[in-house]
Structures are given as C-alpha cells and as structure tokens.
Amino acid sequence: MSEVSTSFGSNFSSQPIYNEMIKKMMEKYDCDYQTAREFVDSNT
C-alpha cells in the first residue's frame, strides 16, 4: 500500500473521484467499503 500513497500523495484519497471509484466498486462487486477501497488502492 505504501507505493500507492507515495506515488499519489495524500491528496488523491481526498478527491471526489476516488470516492466515486469506491462506490462503483461496491455496486459492481457488491462488497463493503473497506474491500472496495483496498481494491481501488491496489489498482491506481
């Protein structure tokens, strides 16, 4: 996870599009917020 936070910085997680990506993941895969967030983090 550390690679993600260093490459994008702390700003990325506060951007609205980040939350939109998580919401879409939650709907698409019917998973909880934490799972979706980890998936988004590992794929950005």
PDB file of N, CA and C in Angstrom:
ATOM      1  N   MET A   1       0.823  -1.208   0.000  1.00  0.00           N
ATOM      2  CA  MET A   1       0.000   0.000   0.000  1.00  0.00           C
ATOM      3  C   MET A   1       0.860   1.263   0.000  1.00  0.00           C
ATOM      4  N   SER A   2       2.064   1.153   0.525  1.00  0.00           N
ATOM      5  CA  SER A   2       2.892   2.349   0.671  1.00  0.00           C
ATOM      6  C   SER A   2       3.263   2.943  -0.685  1.00  0.00           C
ATOM      7  N   GLU A   3       3.401   2.099  -1.700  1.00  0.00           N
ATOM      8  CA  GLU A   3       3.740   2.616  -3.023  1.00  0.00           C
ATOM      9  C   GLU A   3       2.648   3.536  -3.545  1.00  0.00           C
ATOM     10  N   VAL A   4       1.402   3.156  -3.263  1.00  0.00           N
ATOM     11  CA  VAL A   4       0.273   3.953  -3.737  1.00  0.00           C
ATOM     12  C   VAL A   4       0.280   5.331  -3.096  1.00  0.00           C
ATOM     13  N   SER A   5       0.455   5.368  -1.781  1.00  0.00           N
ATOM     14  CA  SER A   5       0.384   6.643  -1.085  1.00  0.00           C
ATOM     15  C   SER A   5       1.549   7.556  -1.459  1.00  0.00           C
ATOM     16  N   THR A   6       2.699   6.981  -1.797  1.00  0.00           N
ATOM     17  CA  THR A   6       3.828   7.827  -2.164  1.00  0.00           C
ATOM     18  C   THR A   6       3.697   8.322  -3.597  1.00  0.00           C
ATOM     19  N   SER A   7       3.155   7.504  -4.482  1.00  0.00           N
ATOM     20  CA  SER A   7       3.055   7.915  -5.881  1.00  0.00           C
ATOM     21  C   SER A   7       1.925   8.916  -6.106  1.00  0.00           C
ATOM     22  N   PHE A   8       0.857   8.787  -5.330  1.00  0.00           N
ATOM     23  CA  PHE A   8      -0.265   9.695  -5.497  1.00  0.00           C
ATOM     24  C   PHE A   8      -0.297  10.789  -4.436  1.00  0.00           C
ATOM     25  N   GLY A   9       0.371  10.567  -3.332  1.00  0.00           N
ATOM     26  CA  GLY A   9       0.328  11.530  -2.245  1.00  0.00           C
ATOM     27  C   GLY A   9      -0.979  11.449  -1.493  1.00  0.00           C
ATOM     28  N   SER A  10      -1.078  12.211  -0.424  1.00  0.00           N
ATOM     29  CA  SER A  10      -2.281  12.150   0.410  1.00  0.00           C
ATOM     30  C   SER A  10      -3.462  12.844  -0.249  1.00  0.00           C
ATOM     31  N   ASN A  11      -3.200  13.638  -1.287  1.00  0.00           N
ATOM     32  CA  ASN A  11      -4.276  14.378  -1.945  1.00  0.00           C
ATOM     33  C   ASN A  11      -5.248  13.454  -2.671  1.00  0.00           C
ATOM     34  N   PHE A  12      -4.726  12.360  -3.210  1.00  0.00           N
ATOM     35  CA  PHE A  12      -5.554  11.508  -4.053  1.00  0.00           C
ATOM     36  C   PHE A  12      -6.772  10.978  -3.315  1.00  0.00           C
ATOM     37  N   SER A  13      -6.583  10.536  -2.096  1.00  0.00           N
ATOM     38  CA  SER A  13      -7.680   9.915  -1.360  1.00  0.00           C
ATOM     39  C   SER A  13      -8.763  10.910  -0.975  1.00  0.00           C
ATOM     40  N   SER A  14      -8.461  12.204  -1.070  1.00  0.00           N
ATOM     41  CA  SER A  14      -9.459  13.214  -0.714  1.00  0.00           C
ATOM     42  C   SER A  14     -10.228  13.702  -1.936  1.00  0.00           C
ATOM     43  N   GLN A  15      -9.827  13.255  -3.108  1.00  0.00           N
ATOM     44  CA  GLN A  15     -10.509  13.687  -4.326  1.00  0.00           C
ATOM     45  C   GLN A  15     -11.839  12.960  -4.483  1.00  0.00           C
ATOM     46  N   PRO A  16     -12.866  13.682  -4.942  1.00  0.00           N
ATOM     47  CA  PRO A  16     -14.199  13.086  -5.124  1.00  0.00           C
ATOM     48  C   PRO A  16     -14.176  11.861  -6.030  1.00  0.00           C
ATOM     49  N   ILE A  17     -13.327  11.876  -7.055  1.00  0.00           N
ATOM     50  CA  ILE A  17     -13.315  10.752  -7.995  1.00  0.00           C
ATOM     51  C   ILE A  17     -12.877   9.466  -7.304  1.00  0.00           C
ATOM     52  N   TYR A  18     -12.063   9.604  -6.273  1.00  0.00           N
ATOM     53  CA  TYR A  18     -11.623   8.432  -5.507  1.00  0.00           C
ATOM     54  C   TYR A  18     -12.814   7.767  -4.836  1.00  0.00           C
ATOM     55  N   ASN A  19     -13.662   8.576  -4.223  1.00  0.00           N
ATOM     56  CA  ASN A  19     -14.860   8.030  -3.583  1.00  0.00           C
ATOM     57  C   ASN A  19     -15.834   7.477  -4.616  1.00  0.00           C
ATOM     58  N   GLU A  20     -15.900   8.114  -5.782  1.00  0.00           N
ATOM     59  CA  GLU A  20     -16.770   7.610  -6.843  1.00  0.00           C
ATOM     60  C   GLU A  20     -16.308   6.234  -7.302  1.00  0.00           C
ATOM     61  N   MET A  21     -14.996   6.072  -7.432  1.00  0.00           N
ATOM     62  CA  MET A  21     -14.454   4.780  -7.839  1.00  0.00           C
ATOM     63  C   MET A  21     -14.807   3.710  -6.813  1.00  0.00           C
ATOM     64  N   ILE A  22     -14.713   4.072  -5.544  1.00  0.00           N
ATOM     65  CA  ILE A  22     -15.040   3.124  -4.475  1.00  0.00           C
ATOM     66  C   ILE A  22     -16.518   2.760  -4.518  1.00  0.00           C
ATOM     67  N   LYS A  23     -17.371   3.755  -4.709  1.00  0.00           N
ATOM     68  CA  LYS A  23     -18.815   3.489  -4.776  1.00  0.00           C
ATOM     69  C   LYS A  23     -19.139   2.559  -5.934  1.00  0.00           C
ATOM     70  N   LYS A  24     -18.500   2.788  -7.086  1.00  0.00           N
ATOM     71  CA  LYS A  24     -18.754   1.937  -8.246  1.00  0.00           C
ATOM     72  C   LYS A  24     -18.287   0.517  -7.985  1.00  0.00           C
ATOM     73  N   MET A  25     -17.154   0.391  -7.308  1.00  0.00           N
ATOM     74  CA  MET A  25     -16.653  -0.937  -6.955  1.00  0.00           C
ATOM     75  C   MET A  25     -17.625  -1.646  -6.019  1.00  0.00           C
ATOM     76  N   MET A  26     -18.143  -0.922  -5.040  1.00  0.00           N
ATOM     77  CA  MET A  26     -19.081  -1.504  -4.087  1.00  0.00           C
ATOM     78  C   MET A  26     -20.334  -2.000  -4.798  1.00  0.00           C
ATOM     79  N   GLU A  27     -20.808  -1.222  -5.764  1.00  0.00           N
ATOM     80  CA  GLU A  27     -22.007  -1.618  -6.503  1.00  0.00           C
ATOM     81  C   GLU A  27     -21.715  -2.770  -7.452  1.00  0.00           C
ATOM     82  N   LYS A  28     -20.583  -2.679  -8.147  1.00  0.00           N
ATOM     83  CA  LYS A  28     -20.252  -3.672  -9.160  1.00  0.00           C
ATOM     84  C   LYS A  28     -19.994  -5.041  -8.548  1.00  0.00           C
ATOM     85  N   TYR A  29     -19.255  -5.062  -7.441  1.00  0.00           N
ATOM     86  CA  TYR A  29     -18.870  -6.334  -6.835  1.00  0.00           C
ATOM     87  C   TYR A  29     -19.641  -6.653  -5.564  1.00  0.00           C
ATOM     88  N   ASP A  30     -20.565  -5.756  -5.211  1.00  0.00           N
ATOM     89  CA  ASP A  30     -21.391  -5.956  -4.018  1.00  0.00           C
ATOM     90  C   ASP A  30     -20.525  -6.263  -2.791  1.00  0.00           C
ATOM     91  N   CYS A  31     -19.543  -5.405  -2.557  1.00  0.00           N
ATOM     92  CA  CYS A  31     -18.645  -5.591  -1.424  1.00  0.00           C
ATOM     93  C   CYS A  31     -18.734  -4.384  -0.494  1.00  0.00           C
ATOM     94  N   ASP A  32     -18.082  -4.502   0.654  1.00  0.00           N
ATOM     95  CA  ASP A  32     -18.143  -3.389   1.595  1.00  0.00           C
ATOM     96  C   ASP A  32     -17.115  -2.313   1.236  1.00  0.00           C
ATOM     97  N   TYR A  33     -17.173  -1.201   1.973  1.00  0.00           N
ATOM     98  CA  TYR A  33     -16.328  -0.046   1.663  1.00  0.00           C
ATOM     99  C   TYR A  33     -14.848  -0.389   1.757  1.00  0.00           C
ATOM    100  N   GLN A  34     -14.481  -1.096   2.826  1.00  0.00           N
ATOM    101  CA  GLN A  34     -13.072  -1.405   3.046  1.00  0.00           C
ATOM    102  C   GLN A  34     -12.504  -2.250   1.908  1.00  0.00           C
ATOM    103  N   THR A  35     -13.262  -3.252   1.476  1.00  0.00           N
ATOM    104  CA  THR A  35     -12.813  -4.115   0.388  1.00  0.00           C
ATOM    105  C   THR A  35     -12.668  -3.321  -0.900  1.00  0.00           C
ATOM    106  N   ALA A  36     -13.668  -2.503  -1.188  1.00  0.00           N
ATOM    107  CA  ALA A  36     -13.631  -1.698  -2.404  1.00  0.00           C
ATOM    108  C   ALA A  36     -12.469  -0.719  -2.371  1.00  0.00           C
ATOM    109  N   ARG A  37     -12.236  -0.131  -1.214  1.00  0.00           N
ATOM    110  CA  ARG A  37     -11.153   0.843  -1.098  1.00  0.00           C
ATOM    111  C   ARG A  37      -9.800   0.183  -1.324  1.00  0.00           C
ATOM    112  N   GLU A  38      -9.616  -0.988  -0.757  1.00  0.00           N
ATOM    113  CA  GLU A  38      -8.355  -1.699  -0.940  1.00  0.00           C
ATOM    114  C   GLU A  38      -8.162  -2.066  -2.410  1.00  0.00           C
ATOM    115  N   PHE A  39      -9.257  -2.432  -3.074  1.00  0.00           N
ATOM    116  CA  PHE A  39      -9.183  -2.784  -4.483  1.00  0.00           C
ATOM    117  C   PHE A  39      -8.797  -1.572  -5.318  1.00  0.00           C
ATOM    118  N   VAL A  40      -9.420  -0.431  -5.038  1.00  0.00           N
ATOM    119  CA  VAL A  40      -9.099   0.807  -5.753  1.00  0.00           C
ATOM    120  C   VAL A  40      -7.646   1.201  -5.501  1.00  0.00           C
ATOM    121  N   ASP A  41      -7.220   1.110  -4.248  1.00  0.00           N
ATOM    122  CA  ASP A  41      -5.849   1.475  -3.901  1.00  0.00           C
ATOM    123  C   ASP A  41      -4.837   0.618  -4.654  1.00  0.00           C
ATOM    124  N   SER A  42      -5.125  -0.652  -4.794  1.00  0.00           N
ATOM    125  CA  SER A  42      -4.165  -1.557  -5.412  1.00  0.00           C
ATOM    126  C   SER A  42      -4.177  -1.456  -6.936  1.00  0.00           C
ATOM    127  N   ASN A  43      -5.173  -0.759  -7.485  1.00  0.00           N
ATOM    128  CA  ASN A  43      -5.289  -0.669  -8.940  1.00  0.00           C
ATOM    129  C   ASN A  43      -5.160   0.752  -9.472  1.00  0.00           C
ATOM    130  N   THR A  44      -4.602   1.647  -8.658  1.00  0.00           N
ATOM    131  CA  THR A  44      -4.421   3.018  -9.132  1.00  0.00           C
ATOM    132  C   THR A  44      -2.956   3.393  -9.138  1.00  0.00           C
TER     133      THR A  44
END
